[in-house]
PDB file of N, CA and C in Angstrom:
ATOM      1  N   MET A   1      59.513  71.017   0.645  1.00  0.00           N
ATOM      2  CA  MET A   1      58.807  70.639   0.015  1.00  0.00           C
ATOM      3  C   MET A   1      57.150  71.187   0.183  1.00  0.00           C
ATOM      4  N   ASN A   2      56.429  71.409  -1.181  1.00  0.00           N
ATOM      5  CA  ASN A   2      55.109  71.689  -0.927  1.00  0.00           C
ATOM      6  C   ASN A   2      54.288  70.709  -0.877  1.00  0.00           C
ATOM      7  N   LYS A   3      53.289  70.763  -1.612  1.00  0.00           N
ATOM      8  CA  LYS A   3      51.982  69.782  -1.186  1.00  0.00           C
ATOM      9  C   LYS A   3      51.787  68.883  -2.786  1.00  0.00           C
ATOM     10  N   SER A   4      52.090  69.757  -4.038  1.00  0.00           N
ATOM     11  CA  SER A   4      52.121  68.841  -4.934  1.00  0.00           C
ATOM     12  C   SER A   4      53.831  67.788  -4.936  1.00  0.00           C
ATOM     13  N   GLU A   5      55.067  68.361  -4.192  1.00  0.00           N
ATOM     14  CA  GLU A   5      55.734  67.778  -4.252  1.00  0.00           C
ATOM     15  C   GLU A   5      56.051  66.326  -3.316  1.00  0.00           C
ATOM     16  N   LEU A   6      55.337  66.792  -2.492  1.00  0.00           N
ATOM     17  CA  LEU A   6      54.929  65.778  -1.343  1.00  0.00           C
ATOM     18  C   LEU A   6      54.314  65.128  -2.162  1.00  0.00           C
ATOM     19  N   ILE A   7      53.432  64.882  -2.512  1.00  0.00           N
ATOM     20  CA  ILE A   7      52.039  63.820  -3.601  1.00  0.00           C
ATOM     21  C   ILE A   7      53.295  63.015  -4.671  1.00  0.00           C
ATOM     22  N   ASN A   8      54.073  64.032  -5.311  1.00  0.00           N
ATOM     23  CA  ASN A   8      55.108  63.241  -6.476  1.00  0.00           C
ATOM     24  C   ASN A   8      55.674  62.107  -5.834  1.00  0.00           C
ATOM     25  N   SER A   9      56.197  62.744  -4.587  1.00  0.00           N
ATOM     26  CA  SER A   9      57.210  61.652  -3.773  1.00  0.00           C
ATOM     27  C   SER A   9      56.696  60.383  -3.157  1.00  0.00           C
ATOM     28  N   LEU A  10      55.051  60.896  -2.927  1.00  0.00           N
ATOM     29  CA  LEU A  10      54.220  59.770  -2.357  1.00  0.00           C
ATOM     30  C   LEU A  10      54.318  58.738  -3.600  1.00  0.00           C
ATOM     31  N   SER A  11      53.714  59.207  -4.540  1.00  0.00           N
ATOM     32  CA  SER A  11      53.458  58.219  -5.342  1.00  0.00           C
ATOM     33  C   SER A  11      54.827  57.581  -6.170  1.00  0.00           C
ATOM     34  N   GLU A  12      56.245  57.593  -6.035  1.00  0.00           N
ATOM     35  CA  GLU A  12      56.855  57.408  -6.593  1.00  0.00           C
ATOM     36  C   GLU A  12      57.285  56.330  -5.688  1.00  0.00           C
ATOM     37  N   GLU A  13      57.298  56.453  -4.189  1.00  0.00           N
ATOM     38  CA  GLU A  13      57.307  55.098  -2.916  1.00  0.00           C
ATOM     39  C   GLU A  13      56.612  54.603  -3.309  1.00  0.00           C
ATOM     40  N   THR A  14      55.733  54.553  -3.442  1.00  0.00           N
ATOM     41  CA  THR A  14      54.438  53.721  -3.334  1.00  0.00           C
ATOM     42  C   THR A  14      53.705  53.455  -4.309  1.00  0.00           C
ATOM     43  N   THR A  15      54.215  53.669  -5.111  1.00  0.00           N
ATOM     44  CA  THR A  15      53.009  53.434  -6.872  1.00  0.00           C
ATOM     45  C   THR A  15      52.236  53.378  -6.786  1.00  0.00           C
ATOM     46  N   PHE A  16      51.593  54.385  -5.830  1.00  0.00           N
ATOM     47  CA  PHE A  16      50.195  54.640  -5.879  1.00  0.00           C
ATOM     48  C   PHE A  16      49.560  55.854  -6.979  1.00  0.00           C
ATOM     49  N   SER A  17      49.365  55.698  -7.675  1.00  0.00           N
ATOM     50  CA  SER A  17      48.352  57.405  -8.456  1.00  0.00           C
ATOM     51  C   SER A  17      48.477  58.517  -7.902  1.00  0.00           C
ATOM     52  N   LYS A  18      49.387  59.537  -8.709  1.00  0.00           N
ATOM     53  CA  LYS A  18      49.382  60.570  -7.826  1.00  0.00           C
ATOM     54  C   LYS A  18      47.707  61.408  -7.771  1.00  0.00           C
ATOM     55  N   LYS A  19      46.612  60.765  -7.992  1.00  0.00           N
ATOM     56  CA  LYS A  19      45.070  60.971  -7.446  1.00  0.00           C
ATOM     57  C   LYS A  19      44.779  60.600  -6.133  1.00  0.00           C
ATOM     58  N   ASP A  20      44.632  59.088  -6.439  1.00  0.00           N
ATOM     59  CA  ASP A  20      45.014  59.134  -4.933  1.00  0.00           C
ATOM     60  C   ASP A  20      45.818  59.290  -3.676  1.00  0.00           C
ATOM     61  N   VAL A  21      47.200  59.224  -4.064  1.00  0.00           N
ATOM     62  CA  VAL A  21      47.731  60.209  -3.288  1.00  0.00           C
ATOM     63  C   VAL A  21      47.092  61.155  -2.591  1.00  0.00           C
ATOM     64  N   ALA A  22      46.692  62.195  -3.147  1.00  0.00           N
ATOM     65  CA  ALA A  22      46.047  63.282  -3.278  1.00  0.00           C
ATOM     66  C   ALA A  22      45.061  63.107  -2.065  1.00  0.00           C
ATOM     67  N   ARG A  23      44.181  62.574  -2.912  1.00  0.00           N
ATOM     68  CA  ARG A  23      42.564  61.897  -1.789  1.00  0.00           C
ATOM     69  C   ARG A  23      43.044  61.416  -0.590  1.00  0.00           C
ATOM     70  N   VAL A  24      44.303  60.399  -0.239  1.00  0.00           N
ATOM     71  CA  VAL A  24      44.336  60.281   0.637  1.00  0.00           C
ATOM     72  C   VAL A  24      45.117  61.557   1.750  1.00  0.00           C
ATOM     73  N   LEU A  25      45.904  62.156   1.316  1.00  0.00           N
ATOM     74  CA  LEU A  25      46.810  63.250   1.834  1.00  0.00           C
ATOM     75  C   LEU A  25      45.481  64.496   2.481  1.00  0.00           C
ATOM     76  N   ASP A  26      44.508  64.676   1.471  1.00  0.00           N
ATOM     77  CA  ASP A  26      43.717  65.262   1.677  1.00  0.00           C
ATOM     78  C   ASP A  26      42.489  64.704   2.766  1.00  0.00           C
ATOM     79  N   ALA A  27      42.293  63.704   3.030  1.00  0.00           N
ATOM     80  CA  ALA A  27      41.711  63.092   3.934  1.00  0.00           C
ATOM     81  C   ALA A  27      42.513  62.993   5.054  1.00  0.00           C
ATOM     82  N   PHE A  28      43.459  62.613   5.056  1.00  0.00           N
ATOM     83  CA  PHE A  28      44.123  62.936   6.508  1.00  0.00           C
ATOM     84  C   PHE A  28      44.419  64.190   6.780  1.00  0.00           C
ATOM     85  N   THR A  29      44.683  65.348   5.860  1.00  0.00           N
ATOM     86  CA  THR A  29      44.106  66.892   6.414  1.00  0.00           C
ATOM     87  C   THR A  29      43.349  67.237   7.463  1.00  0.00           C
ATOM     88  N   ARG A  30      42.032  66.148   6.434  1.00  0.00           N
ATOM     89  CA  ARG A  30      40.736  66.708   7.279  1.00  0.00           C
ATOM     90  C   ARG A  30      40.526  65.890   8.559  1.00  0.00           C
ATOM     91  N   ILE A  31      41.265  64.659   9.027  1.00  0.00           N
ATOM     92  CA  ILE A  31      41.187  64.329  10.120  1.00  0.00           C
ATOM     93  C   ILE A  31      41.750  64.670  10.804  1.00  0.00           C
ATOM     94  N   VAL A  32      43.162  65.361  10.328  1.00  0.00           N
ATOM     95  CA  VAL A  32      43.829  65.813  11.786  1.00  0.00           C
ATOM     96  C   VAL A  32      42.982  67.055  12.309  1.00  0.00           C
ATOM     97  N   GLU A  33      42.443  68.432  10.968  1.00  0.00           N
ATOM     98  CA  GLU A  33      41.618  69.111  11.665  1.00  0.00           C
ATOM     99  C   GLU A  33      40.378  68.390  12.723  1.00  0.00           C
ATOM    100  N   ARG A  34      39.435  67.624  12.152  1.00  0.00           N
ATOM    101  CA  ARG A  34      38.162  67.470  12.224  1.00  0.00           C
ATOM    102  C   ARG A  34      38.649  66.543  13.934  1.00  0.00           C
ATOM    103  N   THR A  35      39.683  65.952  14.247  1.00  0.00           N
ATOM    104  CA  THR A  35      40.198  65.504  15.398  1.00  0.00           C
ATOM    105  C   THR A  35      40.430  66.215  16.772  1.00  0.00           C
ATOM    106  N   LEU A  36      41.314  67.471  15.926  1.00  0.00           N
ATOM    107  CA  LEU A  36      42.020  68.502  17.004  1.00  0.00           C
ATOM    108  C   LEU A  36      40.604  69.705  17.488  1.00  0.00           C
ATOM    109  N   LYS A  37      39.700  69.591  16.222  1.00  0.00           N
ATOM    110  CA  LYS A  37      38.609  70.412  16.687  1.00  0.00           C
ATOM    111  C   LYS A  37      37.672  69.711  17.817  1.00  0.00           C
ATOM    112  N   LYS A  38      37.643  68.742  17.993  1.00  0.00           N
ATOM    113  CA  LYS A  38      37.019  68.411  18.731  1.00  0.00           C
ATOM    114  C   LYS A  38      37.755  68.016  20.568  1.00  0.00           C
ATOM    115  N   GLY A  39      39.073  68.581  19.915  1.00  0.00           N
ATOM    116  CA  GLY A  39      39.872  68.374  21.813  1.00  0.00           C
ATOM    117  C   GLY A  39      40.543  67.524  21.546  1.00  0.00           C
ATOM    118  N   GLN A  40      40.806  66.838  20.681  1.00  0.00           N
ATOM    119  CA  GLN A  40      41.411  65.558  21.061  1.00  0.00           C
ATOM    120  C   GLN A  40      42.678  65.287  20.386  1.00  0.00           C
ATOM    121  N   LYS A  41      44.117  64.311  21.068  1.00  0.00           N
ATOM    122  CA  LYS A  41      45.024  64.179  20.012  1.00  0.00           C
ATOM    123  C   LYS A  41      45.190  63.307  19.646  1.00  0.00           C
ATOM    124  N   ILE A  42      46.592  63.276  18.496  1.00  0.00           N
ATOM    125  CA  ILE A  42      46.384  62.843  17.849  1.00  0.00           C
ATOM    126  C   ILE A  42      47.892  61.737  17.935  1.00  0.00           C
ATOM    127  N   SER A  43      48.540  61.149  17.892  1.00  0.00           N
ATOM    128  CA  SER A  43      49.684  60.279  18.200  1.00  0.00           C
ATOM    129  C   SER A  43      49.821  59.296  16.736  1.00  0.00           C
ATOM    130  N   ILE A  44      50.526  59.159  16.308  1.00  0.00           N
ATOM    131  CA  ILE A  44      51.580  58.560  15.126  1.00  0.00           C
ATOM    132  C   ILE A  44      52.814  57.929  15.611  1.00  0.00           C
ATOM    133  N   THR A  45      52.584  56.763  15.816  1.00  0.00           N
ATOM    134  CA  THR A  45      53.809  56.028  16.447  1.00  0.00           C
ATOM    135  C   THR A  45      55.391  56.470  15.722  1.00  0.00           C
ATOM    136  N   LYS A  46      56.362  56.597  16.406  1.00  0.00           N
ATOM    137  CA  LYS A  46      57.551  56.662  15.696  1.00  0.00           C
ATOM    138  C   LYS A  46      57.590  58.226  14.916  1.00  0.00           C
ATOM    139  N   PHE A  47      56.137  58.636  14.755  1.00  0.00           N
ATOM    140  CA  PHE A  47      56.176  60.369  13.790  1.00  0.00           C
ATOM    141  C   PHE A  47      56.207  61.719  14.565  1.00  0.00           C
ATOM    142  N   GLY A  48      54.896  61.154  15.961  1.00  0.00           N
ATOM    143  CA  GLY A  48      55.134  62.422  16.291  1.00  0.00           C
ATOM    144  C   GLY A  48      53.658  62.479  16.592  1.00  0.00           C
ATOM    145  N   SER A  49      53.246  64.061  17.603  1.00  0.00           N
ATOM    146  CA  SER A  49      51.872  63.883  18.255  1.00  0.00           C
ATOM    147  C   SER A  49      51.249  65.039  17.443  1.00  0.00           C
ATOM    148  N   PHE A  50      50.055  65.472  18.081  1.00  0.00           N
ATOM    149  CA  PHE A  50      49.259  66.631  17.092  1.00  0.00           C
ATOM    150  C   PHE A  50      48.270  67.073  18.251  1.00  0.00           C
ATOM    151  N   TRP A  51      47.847  68.046  19.139  1.00  0.00           N
ATOM    152  CA  TRP A  51      47.258  68.553  20.198  1.00  0.00           C
ATOM    153  C   TRP A  51      47.029  69.879  20.187  1.00  0.00           C
ATOM    154  N   LEU A  52      46.002  70.349  20.890  1.00  0.00           N
ATOM    155  CA  LEU A  52      45.721  71.839  21.075  1.00  0.00           C
ATOM    156  C   LEU A  52      45.866  72.037  22.147  1.00  0.00           C
ATOM    157  N   SER A  53      46.630  73.496  21.991  1.00  0.00           N
ATOM    158  CA  SER A  53      47.244  73.979  23.246  1.00  0.00           C
ATOM    159  C   SER A  53      46.225  75.685  23.263  1.00  0.00           C
ATOM    160  N   LYS A  54      46.412  75.894  24.659  1.00  0.00           N
ATOM    161  CA  LYS A  54      45.559  77.507  24.933  1.00  0.00           C
ATOM    162  C   LYS A  54      46.393  78.238  25.165  1.00  0.00           C
ATOM    163  N   ARG A  55      46.326  79.467  24.378  1.00  0.00           N
ATOM    164  CA  ARG A  55      47.425  80.534  24.559  1.00  0.00           C
ATOM    165  C   ARG A  55      46.132  81.293  25.300  1.00  0.00           C
ATOM    166  N   PRO A  56      46.710  82.069  26.350  1.00  0.00           N
ATOM    167  CA  PRO A  56      45.993  83.004  27.363  1.00  0.00           C
ATOM    168  C   PRO A  56      45.758  84.229  26.501  1.00  0.00           C
ATOM    169  N   ALA A  57      44.974  84.651  26.919  1.00  0.00           N
ATOM    170  CA  ALA A  57      44.720  85.988  26.819  1.00  0.00           C
ATOM    171  C   ALA A  57      45.461  86.835  27.438  1.00  0.00           C
ATOM    172  N   ARG A  58      46.150  87.934  26.691  1.00  0.00           N
ATOM    173  CA  ARG A  58      47.549  88.921  26.578  1.00  0.00           C
ATOM    174  C   ARG A  58      47.220  90.254  26.786  1.00  0.00           C
ATOM    175  N   LYS A  59      47.824  90.981  26.890  1.00  0.00           N
ATOM    176  CA  LYS A  59      48.301  92.309  26.617  1.00  0.00           C
ATOM    177  C   LYS A  59      49.247  92.547  24.781  1.00  0.00           C
ATOM    178  N   GLY A  60      48.689  93.161  24.303  1.00  0.00           N
ATOM    179  CA  GLY A  60      49.604  93.530  22.670  1.00  0.00           C
ATOM    180  C   GLY A  60      49.928  94.576  22.430  1.00  0.00           C
ATOM    181  N   ILE A  61      50.118  95.041  20.884  1.00  0.00           N
ATOM    182  CA  ILE A  61      50.951  96.357  20.728  1.00  0.00           C
ATOM    183  C   ILE A  61      50.271  96.094  19.277  1.00  0.00           C
ATOM    184  N   ASN A  62      49.220  97.209  18.686  1.00  0.00           N
ATOM    185  CA  ASN A  62      48.758  97.307  17.186  1.00  0.00           C
ATOM    186  C   ASN A  62      50.501  97.692  17.119  1.00  0.00           C
ATOM    187  N   PRO A  63      51.034  97.274  15.549  1.00  0.00           N
ATOM    188  CA  PRO A  63      52.062  98.221  15.149  1.00  0.00           C
ATOM    189  C   PRO A  63      52.467  99.020  14.312  1.00  0.00           C
ATOM    190  N   ALA A  64      50.766  99.809  13.879  1.00  0.00           N
ATOM    191  CA  ALA A  64      50.687  99.990  13.081  1.00  0.00           C
ATOM    192  C   ALA A  64      50.198 101.295  13.490  1.00  0.00           C
ATOM    193  N   THR A  65      49.397 101.143  15.239  1.00  0.00           N
ATOM    194  CA  THR A  65      49.227 102.615  15.685  1.00  0.00           C
ATOM    195  C   THR A  65      50.130 102.451  16.794  1.00  0.00           C
ATOM    196  N   LYS A  66      50.793 101.456  17.233  1.00  0.00           N
ATOM    197  CA  LYS A  66      51.446 101.388  19.097  1.00  0.00           C
ATOM    198  C   LYS A  66      50.470 101.651  19.989  1.00  0.00           C
ATOM    199  N   GLU A  67      49.410 101.392  19.342  1.00  0.00           N
ATOM    200  CA  GLU A  67      47.804 101.236  20.308  1.00  0.00           C
ATOM    201  C   GLU A  67      48.292 100.160  21.418  1.00  0.00           C
ATOM    202  N   ARG A  68      47.808  99.884  22.672  1.00  0.00           N
ATOM    203  CA  ARG A  68      47.784  98.784  23.853  1.00  0.00           C
ATOM    204  C   ARG A  68      46.422  98.144  22.836  1.00  0.00           C
ATOM    205  N   ILE A  69      46.509  96.616  22.895  1.00  0.00           N
ATOM    206  CA  ILE A  69      45.476  96.140  22.370  1.00  0.00           C
ATOM    207  C   ILE A  69      45.018  94.885  23.674  1.00  0.00           C
ATOM    208  N   ASP A  70      43.859  94.116  23.729  1.00  0.00           N
ATOM    209  CA  ASP A  70      44.087  93.122  24.609  1.00  0.00           C
ATOM    210  C   ASP A  70      43.698  92.022  23.152  1.00  0.00           C
ATOM    211  N   LEU A  71      44.570  90.880  23.646  1.00  0.00           N
ATOM    212  CA  LEU A  71      44.506  89.158  23.015  1.00  0.00           C
ATOM    213  C   LEU A  71      43.607  88.587  23.200  1.00  0.00           C
ATOM    214  N   PRO A  72      42.730  88.121  22.866  1.00  0.00           N
ATOM    215  CA  PRO A  72      41.447  86.999  23.788  1.00  0.00           C
ATOM    216  C   PRO A  72      42.583  85.963  23.664  1.00  0.00           C
ATOM    217  N   GLU A  73      42.297  84.789  24.440  1.00  0.00           N
ATOM    218  CA  GLU A  73      42.769  83.497  24.310  1.00  0.00           C
ATOM    219  C   GLU A  73      42.811  83.026  23.449  1.00  0.00           C
ATOM    220  N   VAL A  74      43.009  81.930  22.695  1.00  0.00           N
ATOM    221  CA  VAL A  74      42.945  81.298  21.473  1.00  0.00           C
ATOM    222  C   VAL A  74      43.525  80.055  21.758  1.00  0.00           C
ATOM    223  N   ASN A  75      42.885  79.064  21.096  1.00  0.00           N
ATOM    224  CA  ASN A  75      43.266  77.811  20.534  1.00  0.00           C
ATOM    225  C   ASN A  75      44.761  77.366  19.796  1.00  0.00           C
ATOM    226  N   VAL A  76      45.792  76.778  19.677  1.00  0.00           N
ATOM    227  CA  VAL A  76      46.798  76.788  18.839  1.00  0.00           C
ATOM    228  C   VAL A  76      46.938  75.553  18.481  1.00  0.00           C
ATOM    229  N   PRO A  77      47.581  75.001  17.334  1.00  0.00           N
ATOM    230  CA  PRO A  77      47.792  73.378  17.464  1.00  0.00           C
ATOM    231  C   PRO A  77      49.480  73.367  17.514  1.00  0.00           C
ATOM    232  N   ARG A  78      49.734  72.462  18.227  1.00  0.00           N
ATOM    233  CA  ARG A  78      51.122  71.990  18.430  1.00  0.00           C
ATOM    234  C   ARG A  78      51.247  70.390  17.808  1.00  0.00           C
ATOM    235  N   PHE A  79      52.908  70.351  17.845  1.00  0.00           N
ATOM    236  CA  PHE A  79      53.393  69.011  17.246  1.00  0.00           C
ATOM    237  C   PHE A  79      54.582  69.238  17.902  1.00  0.00           C
ATOM    238  N   LYS A  80      54.760  67.497  18.350  1.00  0.00           N
ATOM    239  CA  LYS A  80      55.705  66.713  19.043  1.00  0.00           C
ATOM    240  C   LYS A  80      56.418  65.853  18.533  1.00  0.00           C
ATOM    241  N   ALA A  81      57.287  66.113  17.788  1.00  0.00           N
ATOM    242  CA  ALA A  81      58.223  65.218  16.851  1.00  0.00           C
ATOM    243  C   ALA A  81      57.860  63.800  17.849  1.00  0.00           C
ATOM    244  N   GLY A  82      58.518  62.471  17.174  1.00  0.00           N
ATOM    245  CA  GLY A  82      58.306  61.207  18.083  1.00  0.00           C
ATOM    246  C   GLY A  82      60.199  60.975  18.224  1.00  0.00           C
ATOM    247  N   LYS A  83      59.895  59.912  18.728  1.00  0.00           N
ATOM    248  CA  LYS A  83      61.672  59.422  19.199  1.00  0.00           C
ATOM    249  C   LYS A  83      62.486  58.994  17.969  1.00  0.00           C
ATOM    250  N   ASN A  84      62.086  58.872  17.122  1.00  0.00           N
ATOM    251  CA  ASN A  84      62.334  58.339  15.573  1.00  0.00           C
ATOM    252  C   ASN A  84      62.724  59.322  15.093  1.00  0.00           C
ATOM    253  N   LEU A  85      61.788  60.249  14.892  1.00  0.00           N
ATOM    254  CA  LEU A  85      62.092  61.532  13.484  1.00  0.00           C
ATOM    255  C   LEU A  85      63.009  62.383  14.722  1.00  0.00           C
ATOM    256  N   ARG A  86      62.958  62.542  15.663  1.00  0.00           N
ATOM    257  CA  ARG A  86      63.940  63.552  16.419  1.00  0.00           C
ATOM    258  C   ARG A  86      65.422  62.783  15.839  1.00  0.00           C
ATOM    259  N   GLU A  87      65.479  61.624  16.332  1.00  0.00           N
ATOM    260  CA  GLU A  87      66.907  60.808  15.735  1.00  0.00           C
ATOM    261  C   GLU A  87      67.456  60.993  13.994  1.00  0.00           C
ATOM    262  N   VAL A  88      66.587  60.845  13.401  1.00  0.00           N
ATOM    263  CA  VAL A  88      66.672  60.945  11.908  1.00  0.00           C
ATOM    264  C   VAL A  88      66.859  62.691  11.255  1.00  0.00           C
ATOM    265  N   VAL A  89      66.260  63.481  12.261  1.00  0.00           N
ATOM    266  CA  VAL A  89      66.994  64.779  11.742  1.00  0.00           C
ATOM    267  C   VAL A  89      67.910  65.337  12.621  1.00  0.00           C
ATOM    268  N   ARG A  90      68.443  64.585  13.779  1.00  0.00           N
ATOM    269  CA  ARG A  90      69.034  65.400  15.066  1.00  0.00           C
ATOM    270  C   ARG A  90      70.919  66.032  14.379  1.00  0.00           C
ATOM    271  N   THR A  91      70.766  65.576  13.138  1.00  0.00           N
ATOM    272  CA  THR A  91      72.666  65.379  12.142  1.00  0.00           C
ATOM    273  C   THR A  91      72.351  66.546  11.280  1.00  0.00           C
ATOM    274  N   VAL A  92      71.323  66.841  10.793  1.00  0.00           N
ATOM    275  CA  VAL A  92      70.878  67.891   9.891  1.00  0.00           C
ATOM    276  C   VAL A  92      71.377  69.012   9.928  1.00  0.00           C
ATOM    277  N   ARG A  93      71.873  69.550   9.177  1.00  0.00           N
ATOM    278  CA  ARG A  93      72.315  71.139   9.120  1.00  0.00           C
ATOM    279  C   ARG A  93      71.397  71.728   8.697  1.00  0.00           C
ATOM    280  N   VAL A  94      71.085  73.153   9.177  1.00  0.00           N
ATOM    281  CA  VAL A  94      70.095  73.760   8.740  1.00  0.00           C
ATOM    282  C   VAL A  94      70.215  75.112   8.652  1.00  0.00           C
ATOM    283  N   GLY A  95      70.120  75.443   7.408  1.00  0.00           N
ATOM    284  CA  GLY A  95      70.479  77.101   7.092  1.00  0.00           C
ATOM    285  C   GLY A  95      71.653  76.731   6.021  1.00  0.00           C
TER     286      GLY A  95
END
Protein backbone atom coordinates (compact mmCIF):
# COMPACT_ATOMS: atom_id res chain seq x y z
CA MET A 1 0.00 0.00 0.00
CA ASN A 2 1.40 3.40 -0.91
CA LYS A 3 0.58 6.79 0.60
CA SER A 4 -2.35 7.61 -1.72
CA GLU A 5 -3.89 4.18 -1.13
CA LEU A 6 -3.52 4.69 2.63
CA ILE A 7 -5.19 8.10 2.36
CA ASN A 8 -8.08 6.56 0.38
CA SER A 9 -8.51 3.76 2.94
CA LEU A 10 -8.42 6.14 5.88
CA SER A 11 -10.92 8.44 4.17
CA GLU A 12 -13.32 5.55 3.58
CA GLU A 13 -12.88 4.22 7.13
CA THR A 14 -13.38 7.58 8.85
CA THR A 15 -15.58 9.50 6.37
CA PHE A 16 -13.09 12.41 6.58
CA SER A 17 -12.17 14.03 3.28
CA LYS A 18 -9.04 12.82 1.51
CA LYS A 19 -7.60 16.32 1.85
CA ASP A 20 -8.07 16.28 5.64
CA VAL A 21 -6.65 12.76 5.95
CA ALA A 22 -3.61 13.76 3.87
CA ARG A 23 -2.99 16.76 6.14
CA VAL A 24 -3.20 14.57 9.26
CA LEU A 25 -0.91 11.93 7.76
CA ASP A 26 1.64 14.58 6.74
CA ALA A 27 1.48 16.10 10.24
CA PHE A 28 1.97 12.66 11.79
CA THR A 29 5.12 11.98 9.74
CA ARG A 30 6.52 15.45 10.55
CA ILE A 31 5.92 14.89 14.27
CA VAL A 32 7.59 11.46 14.16
CA GLU A 33 10.60 12.93 12.31
CA ARG A 34 10.87 15.89 14.70
CA THR A 35 10.54 13.69 17.80
CA LEU A 36 13.14 11.18 16.62
CA LYS A 37 15.47 14.03 15.65
CA LYS A 38 15.32 15.14 19.32
CA GLY A 39 16.32 11.60 20.33
CA GLN A 40 12.94 10.87 21.91
CA LYS A 41 10.85 7.70 21.62
CA ILE A 42 7.27 7.51 20.33
CA SER A 43 4.99 4.80 21.71
CA ILE A 44 1.53 4.13 20.28
CA THR A 45 -0.31 1.74 22.59
CA LYS A 46 -1.35 -1.52 20.88
CA PHE A 47 0.51 -0.51 17.68
CA GLY A 48 4.22 -0.10 18.36
CA SER A 49 7.16 2.16 19.14
CA PHE A 50 9.58 4.26 17.09
CA TRP A 51 13.05 5.20 18.38
CA LEU A 52 16.58 5.95 17.23
CA SER A 53 19.45 3.51 17.49
CA LYS A 54 23.14 4.17 16.85
CA ARG A 55 24.88 1.98 14.28
CA PRO A 56 28.57 1.96 15.26
CA ALA A 57 31.36 2.91 12.87
CA ARG A 58 32.60 -0.08 10.90
CA LYS A 59 34.71 -1.21 7.97
CA GLY A 60 33.01 -1.67 4.61
CA ILE A 61 33.83 -2.45 1.01
CA ASN A 62 33.06 -0.22 -1.97
CA PRO A 63 31.25 -2.68 -4.30
CA ALA A 64 32.44 -0.90 -7.45
CA THR A 65 36.16 -0.77 -6.61
CA LYS A 66 36.42 -3.47 -3.90
CA GLU A 67 38.34 -0.89 -1.87
CA ARG A 68 37.98 -1.07 1.92
CA ILE A 69 36.37 2.04 3.38
CA ASP A 70 35.56 3.35 6.86
CA LEU A 71 31.83 3.82 7.45
CA PRO A 72 30.95 6.39 10.14
CA GLU A 73 28.64 5.93 13.10
CA VAL A 74 25.05 6.76 12.09
CA ASN A 75 21.64 7.04 13.72
CA VAL A 76 18.98 4.74 12.28
CA PRO A 77 15.24 4.75 12.95
CA ARG A 78 13.78 1.61 14.52
CA PHE A 79 10.25 0.29 14.95
CA LYS A 80 8.99 -2.49 17.19
CA ALA A 81 5.45 -3.75 16.70
CA GLY A 82 3.19 -3.76 19.73
CA LYS A 83 1.51 -6.89 21.08
CA ASN A 84 -1.81 -6.36 19.25
CA LEU A 85 -0.11 -5.73 15.88
CA ARG A 86 2.08 -8.82 16.31
CA GLU A 87 -0.99 -10.94 17.08
CA VAL A 88 -2.92 -9.59 14.09
CA VAL A 89 -0.15 -10.43 11.60
CA ARG A 90 1.10 -13.62 13.23
CA THR A 91 -0.90 -15.95 10.97
CA VAL A 92 -0.46 -14.00 7.71
CA ARG A 93 1.47 -15.83 5.01
CA VAL A 94 4.07 -13.71 3.23
CA GLY A 95 5.16 -14.34 -0.32
